[in-house]
Amino acid sequence: MKRCPTCSRVYDDLSLKFCFDDGTELVNKLPETTTPPTLVMPAPAESQPTIEGFTPPPPPTPPATTVSAFKSKRQRNLIVWILIIGLGLPFIAGVAGGAWMIFHRRALVHHLVLEVDPTAPDRGAAVRQTVNVIDSRLNALGLANYEVRPEGDPADGRIVVNLPATDDPERVKKVISTWGKLELVHVVSPPSPGLVQTYSTKEEAAASFTSFGGTETTYRVLPYSDREDISSPEPKKWVVVRSPAIVTGSDLRDAAAVNRTGRGDDYQITFTLKASGAEKFGIWTGTHINEYLGVVLNDEVKSIPYIKSQIHDQGEISGRFSRQSAEDLALVLRAGALPVPVKFVEETMSK
């Protein structure tokens, strides 16, 4: 059987090729098929949701600027607190320290008046320098409360020192007034192993260098004592030294009391020199082997060793000192020498 695809007319004659109605070319008719069932629309879904079918939306992400602003604010607050604490603690500590000083400040009851040497070429400058040196010495002694100042015009040459009550006021006075002048000098004498040349009187020593044309600008006569505490106030020996000194206390870097024998009255003071002093000392000792060197303190020779080998930056004052006198002398040397000698002219105590 054939069928017209246009009008769907069916022809039994298989020899026909065209539809009689519309002339469309016929096609073979397919076998009959079961009529498809009517399409049934699904029932409307129930409105009740299920857990599996619902996923809650994620919470909204807060803007990044909000978080940054919050952190920034916290950081600013933290910095402010750090500044407050950093600046406030020193202030609080200062207030507390000041209050403690006010309530625990010891009264100044010991009053001293010193006078610098009248022969000083510039008494005003000498007074100001002496005030600074005494201040350094008292500070090194550990005194917490004292006063050092010129009395009136510095050119008058007087200095006022007000002190709290101390256990040993005489020791403090000695530390204040000790000249502290240190020199390393060449002693005029035959070299070692010969004994060092000494003289019984100052006049005899002076005559020894004037006999060969020496003058007081190139030579000096100094007393010599090998003990710090001698029974007689007058030295027993005199020596002649060359002038100027090889090095002085201005070249000193440090000083300390030492005891190598264990005896209580046999302390020495060791010292070291600054680079400039060490260079001068090294050159001199290197060219004066076996000659005598004088260690001079306050214009008095304390020891006379001979040079065994070149020495650069160290020396020793071996005068058989007591422990306290050695420690006080080392303190004086570290604090610096007074520019000129001083003396006490007035001393009072108040309640």
Protein backbone atom coordinates (compact mmCIF):
# COMPACT_ATOMS: atom_id res chain seq x y z
CA MET A 1 0.00 0.00 0.00
CA LYS A 2 1.02 3.54 -0.74
CA ARG A 3 0.14 6.81 0.90
CA CYS A 4 0.16 10.49 -0.08
CA PRO A 5 2.32 12.33 2.42
CA THR A 6 0.39 15.55 1.74
CA CYS A 7 -3.27 14.51 2.02
CA SER A 8 -2.67 11.11 3.64
CA ARG A 9 -4.82 9.29 1.01
CA VAL A 10 -4.06 5.57 0.82
CA TYR A 11 -3.82 3.61 -2.49
CA ASP A 12 -3.85 -0.19 -2.77
CA ASP A 13 -2.30 -0.21 -6.23
CA LEU A 14 1.36 -0.49 -5.68
CA SER A 15 2.09 0.59 -9.24
CA LEU A 16 0.81 4.09 -8.69
CA LYS A 17 3.42 6.76 -8.22
CA PHE A 18 1.51 10.03 -7.83
CA CYS A 19 -1.59 11.10 -5.82
CA PHE A 20 -4.69 11.71 -7.91
CA ASP A 21 -5.76 14.64 -5.74
CA ASP A 22 -2.67 16.77 -5.44
CA GLY A 23 -0.05 15.02 -7.58
CA THR A 24 2.29 14.44 -4.66
CA GLU A 25 4.66 11.48 -5.04
CA LEU A 26 3.36 8.54 -3.07
CA VAL A 27 5.34 6.75 -0.40
CA ASN A 28 5.04 3.25 0.98
CA LYS A 29 2.71 3.12 3.94
CA LEU A 30 4.21 1.90 7.26
CA PRO A 31 2.48 -0.82 9.29
CA GLU A 32 -0.14 0.23 11.78
CA THR A 33 1.17 1.13 15.27
CA THR A 34 -0.58 1.42 18.50
CA THR A 35 -2.00 4.87 19.08
CA PRO A 36 0.13 6.60 21.63
CA PRO A 37 -1.56 7.17 24.92
CA THR A 38 -2.89 10.51 25.75
CA LEU A 39 -0.28 12.67 27.49
CA VAL A 40 -1.23 13.10 31.12
CA MET A 41 0.01 16.24 32.88
CA PRO A 42 1.56 15.55 36.26
CA ALA A 43 -0.33 16.54 39.37
CA PRO A 44 0.75 19.77 40.97
CA ALA A 45 3.57 19.27 43.49
CA GLU A 46 2.75 19.53 47.13
CA SER A 47 3.81 22.81 48.73
CA GLN A 48 5.45 21.15 51.75
CA PRO A 49 9.23 21.46 51.36
CA THR A 50 11.73 18.76 52.26
CA ILE A 51 15.05 19.10 54.08
CA GLU A 52 16.97 17.64 51.15
CA GLY A 53 15.39 20.04 48.75
CA PHE A 54 16.32 23.21 50.67
CA THR A 55 19.81 24.60 51.24
CA PRO A 56 19.87 27.82 53.23
CA PRO A 57 21.80 30.61 51.53
CA PRO A 58 25.18 31.47 53.09
CA PRO A 59 25.22 34.46 55.44
CA PRO A 60 26.21 37.68 53.74
CA THR A 61 29.92 38.48 53.93
CA PRO A 62 30.50 41.78 55.73
CA PRO A 63 32.32 44.37 53.67
CA ALA A 64 36.10 44.19 53.94
CA THR A 65 36.28 47.87 54.77
CA THR A 66 34.30 47.29 57.97
CA VAL A 67 36.80 44.69 59.24
CA SER A 68 39.77 46.88 58.31
CA ALA A 69 38.24 49.86 60.02
CA PHE A 70 37.63 47.80 63.14
CA LYS A 71 41.17 46.47 63.22
CA SER A 72 42.57 49.89 62.51
CA LYS A 73 40.61 51.32 65.38
CA ARG A 74 41.89 48.61 67.72
CA GLN A 75 45.46 49.23 66.57
CA ARG A 76 45.08 52.95 67.13
CA ASN A 77 43.73 52.33 70.61
CA LEU A 78 46.62 49.96 71.37
CA ILE A 79 49.20 52.53 70.22
CA VAL A 80 47.55 55.19 72.36
CA TRP A 81 47.73 52.94 75.43
CA ILE A 82 51.36 52.07 74.74
CA LEU A 83 52.21 55.77 74.52
CA ILE A 84 50.31 56.52 77.70
CA ILE A 85 52.09 53.74 79.60
CA GLY A 86 55.51 54.54 78.11
CA LEU A 87 55.25 58.22 78.98
CA GLY A 88 53.41 57.75 82.23
CA LEU A 89 55.73 55.24 83.90
CA PRO A 90 58.81 57.51 83.90
CA PHE A 91 56.66 60.36 85.19
CA ILE A 92 55.25 58.20 87.98
CA ALA A 93 58.73 56.86 88.81
CA GLY A 94 60.11 60.40 88.88
CA VAL A 95 57.35 61.59 91.19
CA ALA A 96 57.88 58.60 93.48
CA GLY A 97 61.65 59.10 93.46
CA GLY A 98 61.29 62.78 94.16
CA ALA A 99 58.93 62.10 97.05
CA TRP A 100 61.34 59.53 98.46
CA MET A 101 64.20 62.01 98.23
CA ILE A 102 62.19 64.70 99.93
CA PHE A 103 61.24 62.49 102.87
CA HIS A 104 64.61 60.72 103.14
CA ARG A 105 66.99 63.54 102.26
CA ARG A 106 69.65 63.79 104.93
CA ALA A 107 70.28 67.19 106.44
CA LEU A 108 73.54 68.92 105.55
CA VAL A 109 75.21 69.31 108.94
CA HIS A 110 78.96 69.35 108.18
CA HIS A 111 80.13 72.65 106.69
CA LEU A 112 83.63 73.13 105.28
CA VAL A 113 85.33 76.09 103.64
CA LEU A 114 88.44 75.47 101.54
CA GLU A 115 90.88 77.90 100.00
CA VAL A 116 92.90 77.22 96.87
CA ASP A 117 96.58 78.07 96.72
CA PRO A 118 96.92 81.90 96.54
CA THR A 119 99.81 81.51 94.10
CA ALA A 120 97.54 79.96 91.44
CA PRO A 121 97.85 82.08 88.27
CA ASP A 122 94.06 82.11 87.69
CA ARG A 123 92.25 81.54 90.99
CA GLY A 124 88.80 81.76 89.43
CA ALA A 125 89.54 78.98 86.94
CA ALA A 126 91.28 76.94 89.67
CA VAL A 127 88.20 77.25 91.93
CA ARG A 128 85.81 76.09 89.21
CA GLN A 129 88.01 73.12 88.31
CA THR A 130 88.46 72.22 91.99
CA VAL A 131 84.67 72.24 92.50
CA ASN A 132 84.28 69.73 89.65
CA VAL A 133 87.00 67.43 90.98
CA ILE A 134 85.64 67.46 94.56
CA ASP A 135 82.16 66.73 93.20
CA SER A 136 83.54 63.68 91.32
CA ARG A 137 85.33 62.43 94.43
CA LEU A 138 82.30 62.74 96.72
CA ASN A 139 80.14 61.03 94.12
CA ALA A 140 82.69 58.17 93.92
CA LEU A 141 82.52 57.84 97.73
CA GLY A 142 78.81 57.13 97.38
CA LEU A 143 77.48 60.16 99.24
CA ALA A 144 73.87 60.71 98.21
CA ASN A 145 73.49 64.27 99.42
CA TYR A 146 76.11 67.01 99.43
CA GLU A 147 76.78 70.49 98.08
CA VAL A 148 79.97 71.89 96.51
CA ARG A 149 80.10 75.47 95.23
CA PRO A 150 82.31 78.56 95.12
CA GLU A 151 81.87 80.97 98.00
CA GLY A 152 81.00 84.28 96.42
CA ASP A 153 83.22 85.32 93.54
CA PRO A 154 85.39 82.39 92.34
CA ALA A 155 88.29 84.82 92.01
CA ASP A 156 88.30 85.05 95.83
CA GLY A 157 89.58 81.48 95.89
CA ARG A 158 87.16 79.92 98.38
CA ILE A 159 84.93 76.83 98.10
CA VAL A 160 82.02 75.74 100.33
CA VAL A 161 81.39 72.02 100.90
CA ASN A 162 78.25 71.01 102.82
CA LEU A 163 77.97 67.36 103.82
CA PRO A 164 75.50 65.10 105.63
CA ALA A 165 76.56 63.33 108.82
CA THR A 166 79.05 60.54 108.00
CA ASP A 167 80.62 57.72 110.00
CA ASP A 168 84.15 58.88 109.20
CA PRO A 169 84.25 62.63 108.51
CA GLU A 170 88.08 62.74 108.66
CA ARG A 171 88.31 60.24 105.83
CA VAL A 172 85.93 62.36 103.73
CA LYS A 173 88.00 65.47 104.45
CA LYS A 174 91.17 63.71 103.36
CA VAL A 175 89.57 62.54 100.11
CA ILE A 176 88.38 66.10 99.46
CA SER A 177 91.70 67.82 100.15
CA THR A 178 94.22 65.31 98.76
CA TRP A 179 95.98 66.93 95.85
CA GLY A 180 96.13 63.72 93.80
CA LYS A 181 99.01 64.90 91.60
CA LEU A 182 100.63 61.85 89.96
CA GLU A 183 103.87 61.95 87.95
CA LEU A 184 106.28 59.38 86.55
CA VAL A 185 109.77 60.94 86.50
CA HIS A 186 113.35 60.04 85.67
CA VAL A 187 115.43 59.80 88.87
CA VAL A 188 119.00 61.07 88.47
CA SER A 189 121.14 58.16 89.69
CA PRO A 190 123.70 55.60 88.54
CA PRO A 191 121.84 52.72 86.83
CA SER A 192 120.98 49.38 88.42
CA PRO A 193 122.53 47.21 89.86
CA GLY A 194 123.94 50.24 91.66
CA LEU A 195 121.78 51.62 94.48
CA VAL A 196 119.55 54.58 93.74
CA GLN A 197 121.21 57.90 94.56
CA THR A 198 119.64 59.59 97.61
CA TYR A 199 120.65 62.57 99.74
CA SER A 200 120.30 63.33 103.43
CA THR A 201 119.24 66.96 102.97
CA LYS A 202 117.46 69.03 100.36
CA GLU A 203 120.43 71.37 100.10
CA GLU A 204 122.83 68.51 99.38
CA ALA A 205 120.55 67.23 96.62
CA ALA A 206 120.26 70.71 95.06
CA ALA A 207 124.02 71.14 95.07
CA SER A 208 124.44 67.90 93.12
CA PHE A 209 122.76 69.21 89.97
CA THR A 210 123.88 72.83 90.22
CA SER A 211 127.47 71.57 90.18
CA PHE A 212 127.13 70.52 86.53
CA GLY A 213 125.05 73.51 85.42
CA GLY A 214 121.55 72.14 86.01
CA THR A 215 118.70 74.53 86.83
CA GLU A 216 115.37 74.31 88.62
CA THR A 217 113.58 74.20 85.25
CA THR A 218 115.40 71.01 84.22
CA TYR A 219 115.78 69.33 87.64
CA ARG A 220 113.80 69.13 90.85
CA VAL A 221 114.59 68.01 94.39
CA LEU A 222 111.82 65.89 95.92
CA PRO A 223 111.37 64.13 99.26
CA TYR A 224 111.43 60.35 99.18
CA SER A 225 109.52 58.07 101.54
CA ASP A 226 108.71 54.43 100.92
CA ARG A 227 105.84 54.37 103.43
CA GLU A 228 102.48 56.11 103.33
CA ASP A 229 102.35 56.50 107.11
CA ILE A 230 105.73 57.52 108.55
CA SER A 231 106.30 58.33 112.20
CA SER A 232 108.24 61.50 111.53
CA PRO A 233 106.65 64.30 109.49
CA GLU A 234 110.02 65.08 107.92
CA PRO A 235 111.28 62.79 105.15
CA LYS A 236 114.57 61.02 105.73
CA LYS A 237 115.81 61.12 102.14
CA TRP A 238 115.85 63.37 99.10
CA VAL A 239 116.30 62.60 95.40
CA VAL A 240 116.93 64.59 92.24
CA VAL A 241 114.56 64.06 89.30
CA ARG A 242 114.49 65.42 85.78
CA SER A 243 111.83 67.92 84.75
CA PRO A 244 109.35 67.80 83.11
CA ALA A 245 107.76 64.47 84.05
CA ILE A 246 107.58 61.59 81.58
CA VAL A 247 103.81 61.23 82.05
CA THR A 248 101.33 62.81 84.49
CA GLY A 249 97.96 62.03 86.04
CA SER A 250 96.22 63.51 83.01
CA ASP A 251 97.46 60.43 81.12
CA LEU A 252 95.88 58.09 83.70
CA ARG A 253 93.08 55.76 82.61
CA ASP A 254 92.39 53.72 85.76
CA ALA A 255 93.74 52.91 89.24
CA ALA A 256 93.02 50.19 91.79
CA ALA A 257 94.23 49.04 95.23
CA VAL A 258 95.87 45.59 95.36
CA ASN A 259 97.46 43.39 98.05
CA ARG A 260 99.86 40.67 96.91
CA THR A 261 101.31 39.68 100.29
CA GLY A 262 98.18 39.32 102.40
CA ARG A 263 99.45 41.71 105.06
CA GLY A 264 97.01 44.42 106.07
CA ASP A 265 99.56 47.23 105.79
CA ASP A 266 101.10 46.24 102.47
CA TYR A 267 98.72 47.51 99.79
CA GLN A 268 99.84 48.98 96.48
CA ILE A 269 98.07 51.03 93.82
CA THR A 270 98.25 49.74 90.27
CA PHE A 271 97.42 52.08 87.41
CA THR A 272 97.03 52.00 83.64
CA LEU A 273 97.62 54.78 81.15
CA LYS A 274 95.67 56.12 78.22
CA ALA A 275 96.95 55.50 74.70
CA SER A 276 98.80 58.83 74.49
CA GLY A 277 100.51 58.32 77.86
CA ALA A 278 101.31 54.68 77.07
CA GLU A 279 103.08 55.71 73.88
CA LYS A 280 105.28 58.24 75.71
CA PHE A 281 105.95 55.81 78.56
CA GLY A 282 106.81 52.99 76.17
CA ILE A 283 109.33 55.11 74.26
CA TRP A 284 111.03 56.28 77.47
CA THR A 285 111.24 52.88 79.19
CA GLY A 286 112.46 51.25 75.99
CA THR A 287 115.47 53.59 75.88
CA HIS A 288 116.25 53.66 79.64
CA ILE A 289 116.67 50.01 80.61
CA ASN A 290 118.20 49.60 84.14
CA GLU A 291 117.64 53.28 84.96
CA TYR A 292 115.48 54.41 87.87
CA LEU A 293 111.91 55.64 87.57
CA GLY A 294 110.27 57.71 90.31
CA VAL A 295 106.55 57.40 91.03
CA VAL A 296 105.66 60.81 92.46
CA LEU A 297 102.46 61.56 94.34
CA ASN A 298 101.73 65.09 95.52
CA ASP A 299 105.35 66.13 94.94
CA GLU A 300 106.66 63.26 97.07
CA VAL A 301 108.44 60.22 95.62
CA LYS A 302 106.59 57.10 96.79
CA SER A 303 108.60 54.40 95.02
CA ILE A 304 111.71 54.12 92.81
CA PRO A 305 111.76 50.95 90.68
CA TYR A 306 114.35 50.36 87.99
CA ILE A 307 113.36 49.57 84.41
CA LYS A 308 113.85 45.88 83.59
CA SER A 309 112.18 46.00 80.18
CA GLN A 310 110.02 48.24 78.05
CA ILE A 311 106.68 49.14 79.69
CA HIS A 312 103.80 50.68 77.80
CA ASP A 313 100.61 51.30 79.77
CA GLN A 314 100.89 50.21 83.39
CA GLY A 315 102.69 50.95 86.64
CA GLU A 316 102.47 50.60 90.39
CA ILE A 317 102.76 52.83 93.44
CA SER A 318 104.28 50.57 96.10
CA GLY A 319 104.30 52.58 99.31
CA ARG A 320 103.05 49.92 101.75
CA PHE A 321 99.65 51.54 102.16
CA SER A 322 96.85 50.43 104.45
CA ARG A 323 93.77 49.08 102.69
CA GLN A 324 91.68 52.22 103.23
CA SER A 325 94.45 54.65 102.30
CA ALA A 326 95.17 52.61 99.13
CA GLU A 327 91.50 52.50 98.13
CA ASP A 328 91.05 56.21 98.82
CA LEU A 329 94.17 57.09 96.85
CA ALA A 330 92.99 54.98 93.90
CA LEU A 331 89.65 56.81 94.08
CA VAL A 332 91.41 60.18 94.09
CA LEU A 333 93.56 59.22 91.09
CA ARG A 334 90.52 58.04 89.11
CA ALA A 335 88.56 61.21 89.90
CA GLY A 336 91.47 63.41 88.86
CA ALA A 337 93.96 65.66 90.61
CA LEU A 338 93.13 69.06 91.98
CA PRO A 339 94.61 71.83 89.80
CA VAL A 340 96.39 73.34 92.81
CA PRO A 341 96.70 72.41 96.51
CA VAL A 342 93.88 73.41 98.86
CA LYS A 343 93.58 73.86 102.62
CA PHE A 344 90.72 74.00 105.09
CA VAL A 345 90.10 77.44 106.56
CA GLU A 346 86.80 76.85 108.33
CA GLU A 347 84.82 73.89 109.69
CA THR A 348 81.47 73.98 111.53
CA MET A 349 78.72 71.54 112.49
CA SER A 350 75.00 72.25 112.73
CA LYS A 351 72.12 70.28 114.19
